[in-house]
C-alpha atoms as a PDB file:
ATOM      1  CA  MET A   1      10.555 -25.713  -3.709  1.00  0.00           C
ATOM      2  CA  SER A   2      13.114 -23.072  -2.857  1.00  0.00           C
ATOM      3  CA  SER A   3      12.511 -19.525  -4.120  1.00  0.00           C
ATOM      4  CA  PHE A   4      13.818 -16.005  -3.652  1.00  0.00           C
ATOM      5  CA  PHE A   5      11.429 -15.588  -0.742  1.00  0.00           C
ATOM      6  CA  THR A   6      12.218 -18.829   1.137  1.00  0.00           C
ATOM      7  CA  ASN A   7      13.116 -18.054   4.744  1.00  0.00           C
ATOM      8  CA  LYS A   8      12.958 -14.310   4.131  1.00  0.00           C
ATOM      9  CA  VAL A   9      11.304 -12.308   6.934  1.00  0.00           C
ATOM     10  CA  ILE A  10       8.636 -10.156   5.352  1.00  0.00           C
ATOM     11  CA  ALA A  11       6.640  -7.582   7.326  1.00  0.00           C
ATOM     12  CA  ILE A  12       3.433  -6.474   5.641  1.00  0.00           C
ATOM     13  CA  THR A  13       1.156  -3.794   7.026  1.00  0.00           C
ATOM     14  CA  GLY A  14      -2.572  -4.155   6.454  1.00  0.00           C
ATOM     15  CA  GLY A  15      -2.467  -7.878   5.672  1.00  0.00           C
ATOM     16  CA  SER A  16      -5.999  -8.959   6.803  1.00  0.00           C
ATOM     17  CA  GLU A  17      -7.619  -8.262   3.433  1.00  0.00           C
ATOM     18  CA  GLY A  18      -7.135  -6.971  -0.113  1.00  0.00           C
ATOM     19  CA  ILE A  19      -3.632  -6.777  -1.581  1.00  0.00           C
ATOM     20  CA  GLY A  20      -2.000  -7.426   1.828  1.00  0.00           C
ATOM     21  CA  LYS A  21      -3.919 -10.664   2.285  1.00  0.00           C
ATOM     22  CA  ALA A  22      -3.161 -11.677  -1.325  1.00  0.00           C
ATOM     23  CA  LEU A  23       0.556 -11.124  -0.678  1.00  0.00           C
ATOM     24  CA  ILE A  24       0.413 -13.380   2.382  1.00  0.00           C
ATOM     25  CA  ASP A  25      -1.450 -16.066   0.424  1.00  0.00           C
ATOM     26  CA  ALA A  26       1.310 -15.975  -2.189  1.00  0.00           C
ATOM     27  CA  LEU A  27       4.269 -15.860   0.205  1.00  0.00           C
ATOM     28  CA  ILE A  28       3.390 -18.580   2.729  1.00  0.00           C
ATOM     29  CA  PRO A  29       3.584 -21.395   0.140  1.00  0.00           C
ATOM     30  CA  LEU A  30       6.992 -19.993  -0.913  1.00  0.00           C
ATOM     31  CA  GLY A  31       8.386 -20.604   2.584  1.00  0.00           C
ATOM     32  CA  ALA A  32       8.563 -16.972   3.697  1.00  0.00           C
ATOM     33  CA  LYS A  33       8.320 -15.955   7.337  1.00  0.00           C
ATOM     34  CA  VAL A  34       5.567 -13.388   7.358  1.00  0.00           C
ATOM     35  CA  ALA A  35       4.480 -10.869   9.888  1.00  0.00           C
ATOM     36  CA  THR A  36       1.438  -8.629   9.438  1.00  0.00           C
ATOM     37  CA  CYS A  37      -0.706  -6.146  11.259  1.00  0.00           C
ATOM     38  CA  GLY A  38      -4.194  -4.759  11.049  1.00  0.00           C
ATOM     39  CA  ARG A  39      -6.752  -2.904  13.159  1.00  0.00           C
ATOM     40  CA  ASN A  40      -9.410  -5.642  13.194  1.00  0.00           C
ATOM     41  CA  TYR A  41      -8.765  -8.418  15.716  1.00  0.00           C
ATOM     42  CA  ASP A  42     -11.369 -10.805  14.211  1.00  0.00           C
ATOM     43  CA  LYS A  43      -9.897 -10.550  10.691  1.00  0.00           C
ATOM     44  CA  LEU A  44      -6.358 -11.233  11.979  1.00  0.00           C
ATOM     45  CA  TYR A  45      -7.636 -14.134  14.111  1.00  0.00           C
ATOM     46  CA  ASN A  46      -9.298 -15.669  11.014  1.00  0.00           C
ATOM     47  CA  LEU A  47      -6.065 -15.246   9.077  1.00  0.00           C
ATOM     48  CA  GLN A  48      -4.088 -16.944  11.843  1.00  0.00           C
ATOM     49  CA  MET A  49      -6.576 -19.869  11.878  1.00  0.00           C
ATOM     50  CA  GLU A  50      -6.265 -20.157   8.099  1.00  0.00           C
ATOM     51  CA  TYR A  51      -2.468 -20.557   8.457  1.00  0.00           C
ATOM     52  CA  THR A  52      -1.826 -22.712  11.478  1.00  0.00           C
ATOM     53  CA  ASN A  53       1.551 -24.407  11.892  1.00  0.00           C
ATOM     54  CA  VAL A  54       3.298 -21.972   9.512  1.00  0.00           C
ATOM     55  CA  MET A  55       5.608 -19.011  10.085  1.00  0.00           C
ATOM     56  CA  LEU A  56       2.946 -16.284  10.394  1.00  0.00           C
ATOM     57  CA  HIS A  57       3.044 -13.589  13.091  1.00  0.00           C
ATOM     58  CA  THR A  58       0.045 -11.270  13.501  1.00  0.00           C
ATOM     59  CA  VAL A  59      -0.284  -8.083  15.595  1.00  0.00           C
ATOM     60  CA  VAL A  60      -3.298  -5.878  16.149  1.00  0.00           C
ATOM     61  CA  ALA A  61      -1.999  -2.368  15.300  1.00  0.00           C
ATOM     62  CA  ASP A  62      -3.248   0.864  13.834  1.00  0.00           C
ATOM     63  CA  VAL A  63      -0.429   2.235  11.609  1.00  0.00           C
ATOM     64  CA  SER A  64      -1.646   5.802  12.113  1.00  0.00           C
ATOM     65  CA  LYS A  65      -0.266   5.519  15.664  1.00  0.00           C
ATOM     66  CA  GLU A  66       3.545   5.568  15.990  1.00  0.00           C
ATOM     67  CA  SER A  67       3.593   3.491  19.167  1.00  0.00           C
ATOM     68  CA  GLU A  68       1.666   0.687  17.542  1.00  0.00           C
ATOM     69  CA  CYS A  69       3.925   0.673  14.493  1.00  0.00           C
ATOM     70  CA  ARG A  70       6.889   0.344  16.873  1.00  0.00           C
ATOM     71  CA  LYS A  71       5.129  -2.523  18.636  1.00  0.00           C
ATOM     72  CA  PHE A  72       4.523  -4.333  15.314  1.00  0.00           C
ATOM     73  CA  ILE A  73       8.104  -3.981  14.106  1.00  0.00           C
ATOM     74  CA  GLU A  74       9.734  -4.831  17.436  1.00  0.00           C
ATOM     75  CA  SER A  75       7.539  -7.889  17.941  1.00  0.00           C
ATOM     76  CA  THR A  76       8.365  -9.075  14.383  1.00  0.00           C
ATOM     77  CA  ILE A  77      12.101  -8.739  15.039  1.00  0.00           C
ATOM     78  CA  GLU A  78      11.661 -10.477  18.442  1.00  0.00           C
ATOM     79  CA  THR A  79       9.809 -13.331  16.741  1.00  0.00           C
ATOM     80  CA  PHE A  80      11.921 -13.803  13.631  1.00  0.00           C
ATOM     81  CA  GLY A  81      15.267 -12.149  14.429  1.00  0.00           C
ATOM     82  CA  ASP A  82      15.368  -9.539  11.628  1.00  0.00           C
ATOM     83  CA  ILE A  83      13.374  -8.138   8.727  1.00  0.00           C
ATOM     84  CA  ASP A  84      14.435  -8.695   5.133  1.00  0.00           C
ATOM     85  CA  ILE A  85      11.540  -6.980   3.368  1.00  0.00           C
ATOM     86  CA  LEU A  86       9.099  -4.337   4.606  1.00  0.00           C
ATOM     87  CA  ILE A  87       5.947  -3.878   2.549  1.00  0.00           C
ATOM     88  CA  ASN A  88       4.143  -0.693   3.538  1.00  0.00           C
ATOM     89  CA  ASN A  89       0.740  -1.697   2.259  1.00  0.00           C
ATOM     90  CA  ALA A  90      -1.855  -0.411   4.748  1.00  0.00           C
ATOM     91  CA  GLY A  91      -3.915   2.335   3.213  1.00  0.00           C
ATOM     92  CA  ILE A  92      -7.210   4.215   3.241  1.00  0.00           C
ATOM     93  CA  SER A  93      -8.883   6.137   0.483  1.00  0.00           C
ATOM     94  CA  MET A  94     -11.526   8.880   0.358  1.00  0.00           C
ATOM     95  CA  ARG A  95     -14.189  10.108  -2.028  1.00  0.00           C
ATOM     96  CA  ALA A  96     -15.337  13.742  -1.674  1.00  0.00           C
ATOM     97  CA  LEU A  97     -14.830  17.050  -3.407  1.00  0.00           C
ATOM     98  CA  PHE A  98     -12.276  19.268  -1.655  1.00  0.00           C
ATOM     99  CA  GLU A  99     -14.738  22.109  -1.174  1.00  0.00           C
ATOM    100  CA  GLU A 100     -17.087  19.727   0.671  1.00  0.00           C
ATOM    101  CA  ALA A 101     -14.526  17.703   2.676  1.00  0.00           C
ATOM    102  CA  ASP A 102     -13.677  18.282   6.283  1.00  0.00           C
ATOM    103  CA  THR A 103      -9.950  18.775   6.916  1.00  0.00           C
ATOM    104  CA  GLU A 104     -10.095  15.755   9.189  1.00  0.00           C
ATOM    105  CA  VAL A 105     -10.369  13.598   6.045  1.00  0.00           C
ATOM    106  CA  PHE A 106      -6.885  14.818   4.996  1.00  0.00           C
ATOM    107  CA  ARG A 107      -5.483  14.230   8.454  1.00  0.00           C
ATOM    108  CA  LYS A 108      -6.770  10.660   8.635  1.00  0.00           C
ATOM    109  CA  VAL A 109      -5.647   9.675   5.132  1.00  0.00           C
ATOM    110  CA  MET A 110      -2.172  11.128   5.630  1.00  0.00           C
ATOM    111  CA  ASP A 111      -1.806   9.491   9.038  1.00  0.00           C
ATOM    112  CA  VAL A 112      -2.388   6.002   7.536  1.00  0.00           C
ATOM    113  CA  ASN A 113      -0.983   6.242   4.022  1.00  0.00           C
ATOM    114  CA  PHE A 114       2.079   8.428   4.613  1.00  0.00           C
ATOM    115  CA  PHE A 115       2.969   8.555   8.329  1.00  0.00           C
ATOM    116  CA  GLY A 116       2.121   4.885   8.812  1.00  0.00           C
ATOM    117  CA  SER A 117       4.841   4.028   6.273  1.00  0.00           C
ATOM    118  CA  VAL A 118       7.270   6.536   7.879  1.00  0.00           C
ATOM    119  CA  TYR A 119       6.752   5.061  11.323  1.00  0.00           C
ATOM    120  CA  CYS A 120       7.131   1.407  10.327  1.00  0.00           C
ATOM    121  CA  THR A 121      10.161   2.093   8.201  1.00  0.00           C
ATOM    122  CA  LYS A 122      11.822   4.165  10.888  1.00  0.00           C
ATOM    123  CA  TYR A 123      11.730   1.316  13.407  1.00  0.00           C
ATOM    124  CA  ALA A 124      12.539  -1.415  10.826  1.00  0.00           C
ATOM    125  CA  LEU A 125      15.407   0.507   9.248  1.00  0.00           C
ATOM    126  CA  PRO A 126      18.297  -0.742  11.484  1.00  0.00           C
ATOM    127  CA  SER A 127      17.325  -4.310  10.740  1.00  0.00           C
ATOM    128  CA  LEU A 128      16.816  -3.646   7.013  1.00  0.00           C
ATOM    129  CA  ILE A 129      20.282  -2.034   6.854  1.00  0.00           C
ATOM    130  CA  ARG A 130      21.836  -5.087   8.521  1.00  0.00           C
ATOM    131  CA  ARG A 131      20.084  -7.368   6.037  1.00  0.00           C
ATOM    132  CA  GLN A 132      20.594  -5.051   3.024  1.00  0.00           C
ATOM    133  CA  GLY A 133      16.918  -5.539   2.567  1.00  0.00           C
ATOM    134  CA  VAL A 134      13.991  -4.026   0.665  1.00  0.00           C
ATOM    135  CA  ILE A 135      11.583  -1.247   1.543  1.00  0.00           C
ATOM    136  CA  LEU A 136       8.496  -1.219  -0.621  1.00  0.00           C
ATOM    137  CA  GLY A 137       5.605   1.219  -0.681  1.00  0.00           C
ATOM    138  CA  ILE A 138       2.250   0.338  -2.219  1.00  0.00           C
ATOM    139  CA  SER A 139       1.458   3.541  -4.015  1.00  0.00           C
ATOM    140  CA  SER A 140      -1.146   4.247  -6.693  1.00  0.00           C
ATOM    141  CA  ILE A 141      -1.715   5.868 -10.055  1.00  0.00           C
ATOM    142  CA  ALA A 142      -2.875   8.712  -7.794  1.00  0.00           C
ATOM    143  CA  GLY A 143       0.773   9.127  -6.848  1.00  0.00           C
ATOM    144  CA  TYR A 144       1.526  10.287 -10.420  1.00  0.00           C
ATOM    145  CA  ARG A 145      -1.767  11.935 -11.334  1.00  0.00           C
ATOM    146  CA  GLY A 146      -4.020  13.839  -8.911  1.00  0.00           C
ATOM    147  CA  LEU A 147      -7.475  12.384  -9.086  1.00  0.00           C
ATOM    148  CA  PRO A 148     -10.649  14.514  -8.548  1.00  0.00           C
ATOM    149  CA  GLY A 149     -12.670  13.497  -5.541  1.00  0.00           C
ATOM    150  CA  ARG A 150      -9.507  11.797  -4.167  1.00  0.00           C
ATOM    151  CA  SER A 151      -7.389  14.877  -3.395  1.00  0.00           C
ATOM    152  CA  ALA A 152      -6.345  13.643   0.092  1.00  0.00           C
ATOM    153  CA  TYR A 153      -5.564  10.204  -1.290  1.00  0.00           C
ATOM    154  CA  SER A 154      -3.537  11.701  -4.166  1.00  0.00           C
ATOM    155  CA  ALA A 155      -1.653  13.957  -1.731  1.00  0.00           C
ATOM    156  CA  SER A 156      -0.748  11.023   0.472  1.00  0.00           C
ATOM    157  CA  LYS A 157       0.582   8.989  -2.454  1.00  0.00           C
ATOM    158  CA  PHE A 158       2.595  11.864  -3.893  1.00  0.00           C
ATOM    159  CA  ALA A 159       4.080  12.325  -0.446  1.00  0.00           C
ATOM    160  CA  LEU A 160       4.825   8.618  -0.154  1.00  0.00           C
ATOM    161  CA  GLN A 161       6.678   8.443  -3.488  1.00  0.00           C
ATOM    162  CA  GLY A 162       8.642  11.672  -2.876  1.00  0.00           C
ATOM    163  CA  TRP A 163       9.707  10.399   0.558  1.00  0.00           C
ATOM    164  CA  LEU A 164      10.655   6.966  -0.832  1.00  0.00           C
ATOM    165  CA  GLU A 165      12.668   8.497  -3.662  1.00  0.00           C
ATOM    166  CA  ALA A 166      14.613  10.588  -1.154  1.00  0.00           C
ATOM    167  CA  LEU A 167      15.103   7.599   1.123  1.00  0.00           C
ATOM    168  CA  ARG A 168      16.321   5.422  -1.750  1.00  0.00           C
ATOM    169  CA  THR A 169      18.979   8.011  -2.556  1.00  0.00           C
ATOM    170  CA  GLU A 170      20.072   8.238   1.142  1.00  0.00           C
ATOM    171  CA  LEU A 171      20.441   4.453   1.373  1.00  0.00           C
ATOM    172  CA  LEU A 172      22.236   3.739  -1.927  1.00  0.00           C
ATOM    173  CA  GLU A 173      25.602   3.120  -0.246  1.00  0.00           C
ATOM    174  CA  LYS A 174      24.020   0.940   2.436  1.00  0.00           C
ATOM    175  CA  GLU A 175      22.578  -1.243  -0.319  1.00  0.00           C
ATOM    176  CA  VAL A 176      19.032  -1.137   0.959  1.00  0.00           C
ATOM    177  CA  HIS A 177      16.701  -1.274  -2.039  1.00  0.00           C
ATOM    178  CA  VAL A 178      13.800   1.236  -1.856  1.00  0.00           C
ATOM    179  CA  MET A 179      10.960   0.990  -4.396  1.00  0.00           C
ATOM    180  CA  TRP A 180       7.234   1.420  -4.868  1.00  0.00           C
ATOM    181  CA  VAL A 181       4.517  -0.305  -6.887  1.00  0.00           C
ATOM    182  CA  SER A 182       1.492   1.547  -8.185  1.00  0.00           C
ATOM    183  CA  PRO A 183      -1.502  -0.667  -8.851  1.00  0.00           C
ATOM    184  CA  GLY A 184      -4.302   0.643 -10.994  1.00  0.00           C
ATOM    185  CA  PHE A 185      -7.858  -0.089  -9.907  1.00  0.00           C
ATOM    186  CA  THR A 186      -7.599  -3.401  -7.999  1.00  0.00           C
ATOM    187  CA  ALA A 187     -10.480  -5.414  -6.623  1.00  0.00           C
ATOM    188  CA  SER A 188     -10.354  -4.803  -2.815  1.00  0.00           C
ATOM    189  CA  ASN A 189     -12.320  -3.308   0.053  1.00  0.00           C
ATOM    190  CA  ILE A 190     -10.553   0.091  -0.182  1.00  0.00           C
ATOM    191  CA  ARG A 191     -13.361   1.834  -1.987  1.00  0.00           C
ATOM    192  CA  ASN A 192     -16.062   0.485   0.392  1.00  0.00           C
ATOM    193  CA  ALA A 193     -13.970   1.740   3.318  1.00  0.00           C
ATOM    194  CA  ALA A 194     -13.139   5.050   1.656  1.00  0.00           C
ATOM    195  CA  LEU A 195     -13.868   8.103   3.801  1.00  0.00           C
ATOM    196  CA  ASP A 196     -16.666  10.484   2.867  1.00  0.00           C
ATOM    197  CA  ALA A 197     -16.680  14.298   3.312  1.00  0.00           C
ATOM    198  CA  THR A 198     -17.194  13.890   7.062  1.00  0.00           C
ATOM    199  CA  ALA A 199     -14.323  11.323   7.521  1.00  0.00           C
ATOM    200  CA  ARG A 200     -16.723   8.369   7.830  1.00  0.00           C
ATOM    201  CA  SER A 201     -16.690   5.176   5.766  1.00  0.00           C
ATOM    202  CA  HIS A 202     -18.794   5.293   2.552  1.00  0.00           C
ATOM    203  CA  GLY A 203     -19.695   1.598   2.995  1.00  0.00           C
ATOM    204  CA  LYS A 204     -20.101   1.161  -0.778  1.00  0.00           C
ATOM    205  CA  THR A 205     -18.150   1.540  -4.052  1.00  0.00           C
ATOM    206  CA  PRO A 206     -19.157   3.443  -7.195  1.00  0.00           C
ATOM    207  CA  MET A 207     -16.917   1.229  -9.340  1.00  0.00           C
ATOM    208  CA  ASP A 208     -17.468  -2.216 -11.005  1.00  0.00           C
ATOM    209  CA  GLU A 209     -15.093  -4.344  -8.858  1.00  0.00           C
ATOM    210  CA  GLU A 210     -15.451  -7.342 -11.203  1.00  0.00           C
ATOM    211  CA  LYS A 211     -13.686  -5.454 -14.028  1.00  0.00           C
ATOM    212  CA  MET A 212     -10.627  -4.652 -11.905  1.00  0.00           C
ATOM    213  CA  MET A 213      -7.397  -6.516 -11.532  1.00  0.00           C
ATOM    214  CA  PRO A 214      -7.811  -9.293  -8.874  1.00  0.00           C
ATOM    215  CA  ALA A 215      -5.763  -8.730  -5.713  1.00  0.00           C
ATOM    216  CA  ALA A 216      -4.017 -12.097  -6.273  1.00  0.00           C
ATOM    217  CA  GLU A 217      -2.751 -10.997  -9.683  1.00  0.00           C
ATOM    218  CA  CYS A 218      -1.613  -7.654  -8.195  1.00  0.00           C
ATOM    219  CA  ALA A 219       0.334  -9.566  -5.526  1.00  0.00           C
ATOM    220  CA  GLU A 220       2.137 -11.667  -8.169  1.00  0.00           C
ATOM    221  CA  HIS A 221       3.293  -8.438  -9.913  1.00  0.00           C
ATOM    222  CA  ILE A 222       4.478  -6.962  -6.638  1.00  0.00           C
ATOM    223  CA  LEU A 223       6.573 -10.026  -5.675  1.00  0.00           C
ATOM    224  CA  HIS A 224       8.087 -10.172  -9.162  1.00  0.00           C
ATOM    225  CA  ALA A 225       9.020  -6.460  -8.848  1.00  0.00           C
ATOM    226  CA  ILE A 226      10.689  -7.171  -5.488  1.00  0.00           C
ATOM    227  CA  GLU A 227      12.641 -10.157  -6.772  1.00  0.00           C
ATOM    228  CA  LYS A 228      13.866  -8.129  -9.760  1.00  0.00           C
ATOM    229  CA  ARG A 229      14.623  -5.182  -7.539  1.00  0.00           C
ATOM    230  CA  LYS A 230      12.790  -2.802  -9.778  1.00  0.00           C
ATOM    231  CA  ARG A 231      12.949   0.913  -9.100  1.00  0.00           C
ATOM    232  CA  SER A 232       9.222   1.289  -9.494  1.00  0.00           C
ATOM    233  CA  GLU A 233       6.341  -0.502 -11.213  1.00  0.00           C
ATOM    234  CA  VAL A 234       3.106   0.816 -12.628  1.00  0.00           C
ATOM    235  CA  LEU A 235       0.406  -1.870 -13.085  1.00  0.00           C
ATOM    236  CA  THR A 236      -2.342  -2.227 -15.728  1.00  0.00           C
ATOM    237  CA  PHE A 237      -2.427  -0.760 -19.216  1.00  0.00           C
ATOM    238  CA  THR A 238      -4.771   2.007 -18.041  1.00  0.00           C
ATOM    239  CA  GLY A 239      -2.336   2.927 -15.258  1.00  0.00           C
ATOM    240  CA  LYS A 240       0.661   3.032 -17.650  1.00  0.00           C
ATOM    241  CA  ARG A 241      -1.330   5.095 -20.139  1.00  0.00           C
ATOM    242  CA  THR A 242      -2.446   7.548 -17.460  1.00  0.00           C
ATOM    243  CA  VAL A 243       1.124   8.136 -16.309  1.00  0.00           C
ATOM    244  CA  PHE A 244       2.351   8.560 -19.902  1.00  0.00           C
ATOM    245  CA  MET A 245      -0.469  10.966 -20.821  1.00  0.00           C
ATOM    246  CA  ASN A 246       0.019  13.011 -17.649  1.00  0.00           C
ATOM    247  CA  LYS A 247       3.759  13.361 -18.312  1.00  0.00           C
ATOM    248  CA  PHE A 248       3.681  14.280 -21.957  1.00  0.00           C
ATOM    249  CA  PHE A 249       0.167  15.661 -22.534  1.00  0.00           C
ATOM    250  CA  PRO A 250      -0.893  17.119 -19.154  1.00  0.00           C
ATOM    251  CA  ALA A 251      -3.678  19.440 -20.393  1.00  0.00           C
ATOM    252  CA  TRP A 252      -5.256  16.588 -22.376  1.00  0.00           C
ATOM    253  CA  ALA A 253      -4.895  14.327 -19.323  1.00  0.00           C
ATOM    254  CA  ASP A 254      -6.793  16.926 -17.255  1.00  0.00           C
ATOM    255  CA  LYS A 255      -9.788  16.744 -19.609  1.00  0.00           C
ATOM    256  CA  LEU A 256      -9.774  12.978 -19.934  1.00  0.00           C
ATOM    257  CA  THR A 257      -9.559  12.551 -16.117  1.00  0.00           C
ATOM    258  CA  HIS A 258     -12.342  15.049 -15.585  1.00  0.00           C
ATOM    259  CA  ASN A 259     -14.585  13.267 -18.119  1.00  0.00           C
ATOM    260  CA  PHE A 260     -13.916   9.906 -16.451  1.00  0.00           C
ATOM    261  CA  PHE A 261     -14.849  11.045 -12.928  1.00  0.00           C
ATOM    262  CA  PHE A 262     -17.609  13.564 -13.652  1.00  0.00           C
ATOM    263  CA  LYS A 263     -20.996  13.422 -15.355  1.00  0.00           C
ATOM    264  CA  ASP A 264     -23.251  16.504 -15.747  1.00  0.00           C
ATOM    265  CA  GLY A 265     -20.927  18.348 -13.393  1.00  0.00           C
ATOM    266  CA  LYS A 266     -21.259  15.768 -10.600  1.00  0.00           C
ATOM    267  CA  LEU A 267     -18.635  13.385  -9.219  1.00  0.00           C
ATOM    268  CA  VAL A 268     -19.787   9.882 -10.178  1.00  0.00           C
ATOM    269  CA  LYS A 269     -16.664   7.749  -9.533  1.00  0.00           C
END
């Protein structure tokens, strides 16, 4: 069955698990030509074995390194000819109070969440201009509302959205569509892999993952937003409410956010 994504070349960073993997699972049956990258060879190998004899190109790459982003984009173009849609999905989170966190935490989070998107977009841009394609950033509610214990993560998502908004304005006449989608809490590995105060992985999550939006459902919303060329999309009722409250009742939003993340003066989420 033909769809909007049939024969489209779609490059997705961080596609070995979570939202990235869910996007691949949704796009392959639609006939898309998908390229993805990740840092873990074994996870990418398993992904490739899951999708044999289909148009899937995988590259081991760490998006915090510009040279590896360039390798991913150039090998995608060499394999498929061009890129129609770039989904900057790779991301890392953190969980620590600012006063306790090493500055290395901020450096690592910004390198992946912000600079990784900048690097990949920079090298894909000539192709995307030729194709009048789509640049998508996977942002977060933390890109609208700074979250306690996630100050580096919030900073990276605010930076991502500001940069994408500027880029969208620059590319209006070239008819490249630039957008971002902000999931709420989505079931994935991002909280297990979140950095602690010393920039090491927590290895566990303080949240009830079963109560969160499944990654597959999140992927459906993202693909619908791309097809409709939406400017931006905030997912989940809680996410929409948070953005609304923070815009119109910021002081109240401060208190509600504090009460959600703290108990007896301690960060619990």
